Amino acid sequence: MSRCKALAAAAAKALHRLNEMGVRLALDDFGTGYSSLLYLMRLPVNEIKIDRSFVSALASDPDSGAIVRSAVGLGHNLGLRVVAEGLQDRAAEAVLVEAGCDAAQGFLVGRPAPEAEITAVLLAHSGLAKQMD
């Protein structure tokens, strides 16, 4: 076995062990680079994250829409949660909603913020803030 295949096998084994411990795994940047469909079959992935390059072009590129809808369908048919990365406009949001995408992340949802600010928002919406007073 080549060194590269041995490393890939060791990584897959480690991911399976993490999954057995209850760690949920996501395949990031799905549709680009090394996000092979084989990973969906061989690795214990719970979620795919559609790459922002497809999501950002939803309003202007019909091919991106076809790819996103197909990725959502593929993910759901495999029992996976599907997240769209890089959501920035309402037109793209409409396509994602129509496609049945489970979640999205991007500037339309919220801008990056310091930990203290995020913690305050989470506490305020969880009801814990009132319990802590």
N, C-alpha and C. Protein backbone atom coordinates (compact mmCIF):
# COMPACT_ATOMS: atom_id res chain seq x y z
N MET A 1 0.85 -1.18 0.00
CA MET A 1 0.00 0.00 0.00
C MET A 1 0.89 1.23 0.00
N SER A 2 0.55 2.19 -0.85
CA SER A 2 1.36 3.41 -0.92
C SER A 2 1.17 4.23 0.36
N ARG A 3 2.11 5.12 0.60
CA ARG A 3 2.04 5.97 1.80
C ARG A 3 0.77 6.82 1.80
N CYS A 4 0.38 7.33 0.64
CA CYS A 4 -0.81 8.16 0.54
C CYS A 4 -2.07 7.35 0.89
N LYS A 5 -2.16 6.13 0.37
CA LYS A 5 -3.32 5.28 0.67
C LYS A 5 -3.34 4.89 2.14
N ALA A 6 -2.17 4.65 2.72
CA ALA A 6 -2.08 4.30 4.13
C ALA A 6 -2.56 5.46 5.00
N LEU A 7 -2.18 6.68 4.64
CA LEU A 7 -2.63 7.86 5.39
C LEU A 7 -4.14 8.05 5.27
N ALA A 8 -4.67 7.84 4.07
CA ALA A 8 -6.11 7.98 3.86
C ALA A 8 -6.86 6.93 4.67
N ALA A 9 -6.35 5.71 4.71
CA ALA A 9 -7.00 4.65 5.49
C ALA A 9 -6.97 4.98 6.98
N ALA A 10 -5.85 5.50 7.46
CA ALA A 10 -5.74 5.87 8.87
C ALA A 10 -6.70 7.01 9.21
N ALA A 11 -6.82 7.98 8.31
CA ALA A 11 -7.74 9.09 8.53
C ALA A 11 -9.18 8.60 8.57
N ALA A 12 -9.53 7.71 7.65
CA ALA A 12 -10.89 7.16 7.62
C ALA A 12 -11.18 6.39 8.90
N LYS A 13 -10.23 5.63 9.37
CA LYS A 13 -10.41 4.87 10.61
C LYS A 13 -10.63 5.82 11.79
N ALA A 14 -9.86 6.90 11.84
CA ALA A 14 -10.02 7.89 12.91
C ALA A 14 -11.39 8.54 12.86
N LEU A 15 -11.87 8.86 11.66
CA LEU A 15 -13.21 9.46 11.52
C LEU A 15 -14.30 8.50 11.97
N HIS A 16 -14.15 7.23 11.64
CA HIS A 16 -15.12 6.23 12.09
C HIS A 16 -15.12 6.11 13.61
N ARG A 17 -13.94 6.18 14.22
CA ARG A 17 -13.87 6.12 15.68
C ARG A 17 -14.52 7.34 16.32
N LEU A 18 -14.30 8.51 15.75
CA LEU A 18 -14.95 9.73 16.25
C LEU A 18 -16.47 9.60 16.14
N ASN A 19 -16.94 9.09 15.02
CA ASN A 19 -18.37 8.91 14.82
C ASN A 19 -18.95 7.95 15.86
N GLU A 20 -18.23 6.89 16.16
CA GLU A 20 -18.68 5.93 17.18
C GLU A 20 -18.78 6.58 18.56
N MET A 21 -17.99 7.64 18.78
CA MET A 21 -18.03 8.36 20.06
C MET A 21 -19.12 9.42 20.08
N GLY A 22 -19.84 9.56 18.97
CA GLY A 22 -20.94 10.52 18.91
C GLY A 22 -20.61 11.84 18.26
N VAL A 23 -19.41 11.99 17.73
CA VAL A 23 -19.04 13.23 17.05
C VAL A 23 -19.71 13.24 15.67
N ARG A 24 -20.40 14.35 15.38
CA ARG A 24 -21.06 14.50 14.09
C ARG A 24 -20.07 15.16 13.13
N LEU A 25 -20.00 14.63 11.91
CA LEU A 25 -19.02 15.09 10.94
C LEU A 25 -19.67 15.73 9.73
N ALA A 26 -19.06 16.79 9.22
CA ALA A 26 -19.55 17.48 8.04
C ALA A 26 -18.49 17.44 6.95
N LEU A 27 -18.94 17.29 5.71
CA LEU A 27 -18.05 17.37 4.56
C LEU A 27 -18.15 18.80 4.04
N ASP A 28 -17.09 19.57 4.28
CA ASP A 28 -17.07 21.00 3.97
C ASP A 28 -16.74 21.22 2.50
N ASP A 29 -17.17 22.37 1.96
CA ASP A 29 -16.87 22.78 0.58
C ASP A 29 -17.32 21.72 -0.43
N PHE A 30 -18.48 21.11 -0.18
CA PHE A 30 -18.96 20.06 -1.07
C PHE A 30 -19.14 20.58 -2.48
N GLY A 31 -18.65 19.79 -3.43
CA GLY A 31 -18.76 20.16 -4.84
C GLY A 31 -17.46 20.69 -5.41
N THR A 32 -16.46 20.90 -4.57
CA THR A 32 -15.17 21.42 -5.06
C THR A 32 -14.03 20.58 -4.49
N GLY A 33 -12.87 20.76 -5.07
CA GLY A 33 -11.65 20.16 -4.53
C GLY A 33 -11.73 18.66 -4.31
N TYR A 34 -11.50 18.26 -3.07
CA TYR A 34 -11.41 16.85 -2.74
C TYR A 34 -12.70 16.27 -2.17
N SER A 35 -13.83 16.91 -2.41
CA SER A 35 -15.09 16.42 -1.84
C SER A 35 -15.73 15.37 -2.75
N SER A 36 -15.04 14.30 -2.95
CA SER A 36 -15.47 13.21 -3.82
C SER A 36 -16.76 12.56 -3.31
N LEU A 37 -17.57 12.08 -4.24
CA LEU A 37 -18.77 11.34 -3.86
C LEU A 37 -18.43 10.06 -3.11
N LEU A 38 -17.23 9.55 -3.33
CA LEU A 38 -16.80 8.36 -2.59
C LEU A 38 -16.77 8.62 -1.09
N TYR A 39 -16.46 9.86 -0.68
CA TYR A 39 -16.44 10.19 0.73
C TYR A 39 -17.82 9.99 1.34
N LEU A 40 -18.86 10.31 0.58
CA LEU A 40 -20.22 10.14 1.10
C LEU A 40 -20.55 8.68 1.34
N MET A 41 -19.93 7.81 0.57
CA MET A 41 -20.18 6.37 0.73
C MET A 41 -19.30 5.74 1.80
N ARG A 42 -18.08 6.22 1.93
CA ARG A 42 -17.10 5.54 2.77
C ARG A 42 -16.87 6.16 4.14
N LEU A 43 -17.23 7.41 4.29
CA LEU A 43 -16.98 8.09 5.56
C LEU A 43 -18.28 8.32 6.31
N PRO A 44 -18.21 8.35 7.64
CA PRO A 44 -19.42 8.53 8.45
C PRO A 44 -19.84 10.00 8.55
N VAL A 45 -20.22 10.56 7.41
CA VAL A 45 -20.57 11.98 7.33
C VAL A 45 -22.04 12.16 7.69
N ASN A 46 -22.35 13.18 8.48
CA ASN A 46 -23.73 13.50 8.86
C ASN A 46 -24.30 14.67 8.07
N GLU A 47 -23.40 15.44 7.46
CA GLU A 47 -23.82 16.70 6.84
C GLU A 47 -22.88 17.06 5.71
N ILE A 48 -23.46 17.65 4.66
CA ILE A 48 -22.63 18.23 3.62
C ILE A 48 -22.86 19.74 3.61
N LYS A 49 -21.79 20.47 3.34
CA LYS A 49 -21.87 21.93 3.27
C LYS A 49 -21.54 22.33 1.83
N ILE A 50 -22.57 22.81 1.11
CA ILE A 50 -22.41 23.18 -0.29
C ILE A 50 -21.50 24.40 -0.38
N ASP A 51 -20.50 24.31 -1.21
CA ASP A 51 -19.50 25.38 -1.32
C ASP A 51 -20.12 26.70 -1.73
N ARG A 52 -19.59 27.76 -1.18
CA ARG A 52 -20.08 29.12 -1.42
C ARG A 52 -20.02 29.52 -2.89
N SER A 53 -19.12 28.94 -3.66
CA SER A 53 -19.01 29.32 -5.07
C SER A 53 -20.30 29.02 -5.83
N PHE A 54 -21.03 27.98 -5.43
CA PHE A 54 -22.31 27.67 -6.06
C PHE A 54 -23.43 28.54 -5.49
N VAL A 55 -23.41 28.76 -4.19
CA VAL A 55 -24.47 29.52 -3.52
C VAL A 55 -24.44 30.98 -3.94
N SER A 56 -23.25 31.57 -4.04
CA SER A 56 -23.16 32.99 -4.39
C SER A 56 -23.60 33.27 -5.82
N ALA A 57 -23.61 32.27 -6.67
CA ALA A 57 -23.99 32.46 -8.07
C ALA A 57 -25.44 32.07 -8.35
N LEU A 58 -26.20 31.71 -7.32
CA LEU A 58 -27.56 31.22 -7.54
C LEU A 58 -28.45 32.21 -8.29
N ALA A 59 -28.32 33.48 -8.01
CA ALA A 59 -29.20 34.48 -8.64
C ALA A 59 -28.87 34.71 -10.11
N SER A 60 -27.64 34.40 -10.52
CA SER A 60 -27.22 34.75 -11.87
C SER A 60 -26.86 33.57 -12.77
N ASP A 61 -26.69 32.40 -12.21
CA ASP A 61 -26.20 31.26 -12.99
C ASP A 61 -27.12 30.05 -12.84
N PRO A 62 -27.87 29.72 -13.91
CA PRO A 62 -28.78 28.57 -13.84
C PRO A 62 -28.06 27.25 -13.51
N ASP A 63 -26.83 27.12 -13.96
CA ASP A 63 -26.08 25.89 -13.67
C ASP A 63 -25.81 25.74 -12.17
N SER A 64 -25.53 26.85 -11.51
CA SER A 64 -25.33 26.80 -10.06
C SER A 64 -26.61 26.35 -9.37
N GLY A 65 -27.74 26.84 -9.84
CA GLY A 65 -29.02 26.42 -9.28
C GLY A 65 -29.25 24.93 -9.45
N ALA A 66 -28.93 24.41 -10.62
CA ALA A 66 -29.09 22.97 -10.87
C ALA A 66 -28.17 22.16 -9.96
N ILE A 67 -26.95 22.64 -9.78
CA ILE A 67 -25.99 21.92 -8.93
C ILE A 67 -26.45 21.95 -7.48
N VAL A 68 -26.90 23.10 -7.00
CA VAL A 68 -27.35 23.21 -5.61
C VAL A 68 -28.58 22.32 -5.38
N ARG A 69 -29.56 22.38 -6.27
CA ARG A 69 -30.75 21.54 -6.10
C ARG A 69 -30.38 20.05 -6.12
N SER A 70 -29.45 19.68 -6.99
CA SER A 70 -29.00 18.29 -7.06
C SER A 70 -28.26 17.88 -5.79
N ALA A 71 -27.42 18.76 -5.28
CA ALA A 71 -26.67 18.46 -4.05
C ALA A 71 -27.62 18.30 -2.87
N VAL A 72 -28.63 19.16 -2.79
CA VAL A 72 -29.63 19.03 -1.71
C VAL A 72 -30.35 17.70 -1.84
N GLY A 73 -30.78 17.36 -3.04
CA GLY A 73 -31.47 16.08 -3.25
C GLY A 73 -30.58 14.89 -2.92
N LEU A 74 -29.34 14.94 -3.37
CA LEU A 74 -28.39 13.86 -3.08
C LEU A 74 -28.19 13.71 -1.58
N GLY A 75 -27.93 14.84 -0.91
CA GLY A 75 -27.73 14.78 0.54
C GLY A 75 -28.93 14.21 1.25
N HIS A 76 -30.10 14.68 0.92
CA HIS A 76 -31.31 14.19 1.59
C HIS A 76 -31.56 12.71 1.28
N ASN A 77 -31.32 12.29 0.04
CA ASN A 77 -31.50 10.88 -0.31
C ASN A 77 -30.54 9.97 0.45
N LEU A 78 -29.42 10.52 0.88
CA LEU A 78 -28.45 9.75 1.68
C LEU A 78 -28.67 9.94 3.18
N GLY A 79 -29.72 10.67 3.54
CA GLY A 79 -30.03 10.88 4.95
C GLY A 79 -29.15 11.91 5.62
N LEU A 80 -28.58 12.83 4.85
CA LEU A 80 -27.67 13.83 5.38
C LEU A 80 -28.36 15.19 5.52
N ARG A 81 -27.89 15.97 6.45
CA ARG A 81 -28.30 17.36 6.58
C ARG A 81 -27.50 18.16 5.55
N VAL A 82 -28.14 19.16 4.94
CA VAL A 82 -27.47 19.95 3.90
C VAL A 82 -27.44 21.42 4.32
N VAL A 83 -26.24 22.01 4.31
CA VAL A 83 -26.03 23.40 4.68
C VAL A 83 -25.42 24.13 3.48
N ALA A 84 -25.95 25.30 3.18
CA ALA A 84 -25.39 26.14 2.12
C ALA A 84 -24.44 27.16 2.73
N GLU A 85 -23.25 27.27 2.18
CA GLU A 85 -22.26 28.23 2.65
C GLU A 85 -22.32 29.51 1.81
N GLY A 86 -22.09 30.64 2.44
CA GLY A 86 -21.93 31.89 1.70
C GLY A 86 -23.22 32.54 1.23
N LEU A 87 -24.31 32.38 1.97
CA LEU A 87 -25.57 33.00 1.59
C LEU A 87 -25.49 34.50 1.81
N GLN A 88 -25.72 35.28 0.72
CA GLN A 88 -25.58 36.73 0.83
C GLN A 88 -26.77 37.51 0.31
N ASP A 89 -27.72 36.88 -0.37
CA ASP A 89 -28.84 37.67 -0.91
C ASP A 89 -30.14 36.87 -0.87
N ARG A 90 -31.24 37.61 -0.92
CA ARG A 90 -32.58 37.02 -0.82
C ARG A 90 -32.92 36.12 -2.01
N ALA A 91 -32.41 36.44 -3.19
CA ALA A 91 -32.69 35.61 -4.36
C ALA A 91 -32.10 34.20 -4.17
N ALA A 92 -30.88 34.14 -3.66
CA ALA A 92 -30.25 32.85 -3.38
C ALA A 92 -31.00 32.13 -2.26
N GLU A 93 -31.44 32.89 -1.27
CA GLU A 93 -32.20 32.30 -0.17
C GLU A 93 -33.47 31.64 -0.69
N ALA A 94 -34.16 32.29 -1.63
CA ALA A 94 -35.39 31.73 -2.20
C ALA A 94 -35.12 30.40 -2.90
N VAL A 95 -34.02 30.32 -3.62
CA VAL A 95 -33.67 29.07 -4.30
C VAL A 95 -33.39 27.97 -3.27
N LEU A 96 -32.67 28.32 -2.21
CA LEU A 96 -32.34 27.34 -1.18
C LEU A 96 -33.59 26.84 -0.46
N VAL A 97 -34.51 27.74 -0.18
CA VAL A 97 -35.76 27.35 0.48
C VAL A 97 -36.55 26.43 -0.44
N GLU A 98 -36.65 26.80 -1.71
CA GLU A 98 -37.38 25.98 -2.69
C GLU A 98 -36.74 24.60 -2.84
N ALA A 99 -35.44 24.54 -2.75
CA ALA A 99 -34.72 23.26 -2.89
C ALA A 99 -34.82 22.40 -1.64
N GLY A 100 -35.23 23.00 -0.52
CA GLY A 100 -35.33 22.24 0.72
C GLY A 100 -34.05 22.14 1.51
N CYS A 101 -33.14 23.08 1.29
CA CYS A 101 -31.88 23.10 2.02
C CYS A 101 -32.18 23.25 3.52
N ASP A 102 -31.46 22.52 4.35
CA ASP A 102 -31.74 22.49 5.79
C ASP A 102 -31.29 23.74 6.54
N ALA A 103 -30.19 24.33 6.10
CA ALA A 103 -29.65 25.49 6.82
C ALA A 103 -28.72 26.25 5.89
N ALA A 104 -28.40 27.48 6.31
CA ALA A 104 -27.47 28.29 5.53
C ALA A 104 -26.61 29.10 6.48
N GLN A 105 -25.45 29.47 5.99
CA GLN A 105 -24.58 30.37 6.73
C GLN A 105 -24.05 31.40 5.75
N GLY A 106 -23.86 32.60 6.23
CA GLY A 106 -23.36 33.66 5.37
C GLY A 106 -23.79 35.01 5.89
N PHE A 107 -23.39 36.05 5.20
CA PHE A 107 -23.65 37.42 5.67
C PHE A 107 -25.13 37.75 5.74
N LEU A 108 -25.98 37.09 4.92
CA LEU A 108 -27.41 37.36 5.02
C LEU A 108 -27.95 36.87 6.36
N VAL A 109 -27.39 35.81 6.88
CA VAL A 109 -27.81 35.25 8.16
C VAL A 109 -27.21 36.05 9.31
N GLY A 110 -25.95 36.41 9.19
CA GLY A 110 -25.29 37.18 10.24
C GLY A 110 -23.81 37.36 9.94
N ARG A 111 -23.30 38.46 10.39
CA ARG A 111 -21.88 38.77 10.21
C ARG A 111 -21.06 38.15 11.35
N PRO A 112 -19.79 37.90 11.11
CA PRO A 112 -18.94 37.41 12.21
C PRO A 112 -18.97 38.41 13.36
N ALA A 113 -18.90 37.89 14.58
CA ALA A 113 -18.95 38.74 15.77
C ALA A 113 -18.04 38.17 16.84
N PRO A 114 -17.63 39.02 17.77
CA PRO A 114 -16.79 38.54 18.89
C PRO A 114 -17.55 37.53 19.75
N GLU A 115 -16.80 36.67 20.40
CA GLU A 115 -17.38 35.61 21.24
C GLU A 115 -18.36 36.16 22.27
N ALA A 116 -18.01 37.25 22.93
CA ALA A 116 -18.87 37.81 23.97
C ALA A 116 -20.22 38.23 23.40
N GLU A 117 -20.22 38.80 22.20
CA GLU A 117 -21.46 39.24 21.57
C GLU A 117 -22.34 38.04 21.20
N ILE A 118 -21.73 37.01 20.65
CA ILE A 118 -22.48 35.80 20.28
C ILE A 118 -23.04 35.13 21.53
N THR A 119 -22.25 35.05 22.58
CA THR A 119 -22.70 34.45 23.84
C THR A 119 -23.91 35.20 24.38
N ALA A 120 -23.87 36.52 24.34
CA ALA A 120 -24.99 37.33 24.83
C ALA A 120 -26.25 37.08 24.01
N VAL A 121 -26.11 36.98 22.70
CA VAL A 121 -27.27 36.71 21.83
C VAL A 121 -27.85 35.33 22.14
N LEU A 122 -26.98 34.35 22.27
CA LEU A 122 -27.45 32.99 22.55
C LEU A 122 -28.14 32.91 23.91
N LEU A 123 -27.56 33.54 24.90
CA LEU A 123 -28.19 33.56 26.22
C LEU A 123 -29.55 34.25 26.19
N ALA A 124 -29.63 35.36 25.49
CA ALA A 124 -30.89 36.11 25.41
C ALA A 124 -31.99 35.30 24.74
N HIS A 125 -31.63 34.50 23.76
CA HIS A 125 -32.63 33.72 23.05
C HIS A 125 -32.90 32.35 23.67
N SER A 126 -32.10 31.95 24.62
CA SER A 126 -32.28 30.64 25.22
C SER A 126 -33.14 30.67 26.47
N GLY A 127 -33.36 31.84 27.02
CA GLY A 127 -34.11 31.94 28.25
C GLY A 127 -33.22 31.80 29.48
N LEU A 128 -31.97 31.47 29.30
CA LEU A 128 -31.05 31.30 30.43
C LEU A 128 -30.72 32.64 31.07
N ALA A 129 -30.74 33.71 30.29
CA ALA A 129 -30.40 35.02 30.84
C ALA A 129 -31.35 35.39 31.97
N LYS A 130 -32.62 35.10 31.82
CA LYS A 130 -33.61 35.43 32.87
C LYS A 130 -33.39 34.56 34.10
N GLN A 131 -32.98 33.30 33.89
CA GLN A 131 -32.73 32.41 35.00
C GLN A 131 -31.49 32.81 35.79
N MET A 132 -30.54 33.48 35.11
CA MET A 132 -29.28 33.85 35.76
C MET A 132 -29.41 35.16 36.55
N ASP A 133 -30.49 35.94 36.33
CA ASP A 133 -30.67 37.22 37.03
C ASP A 133 -31.07 37.00 38.47
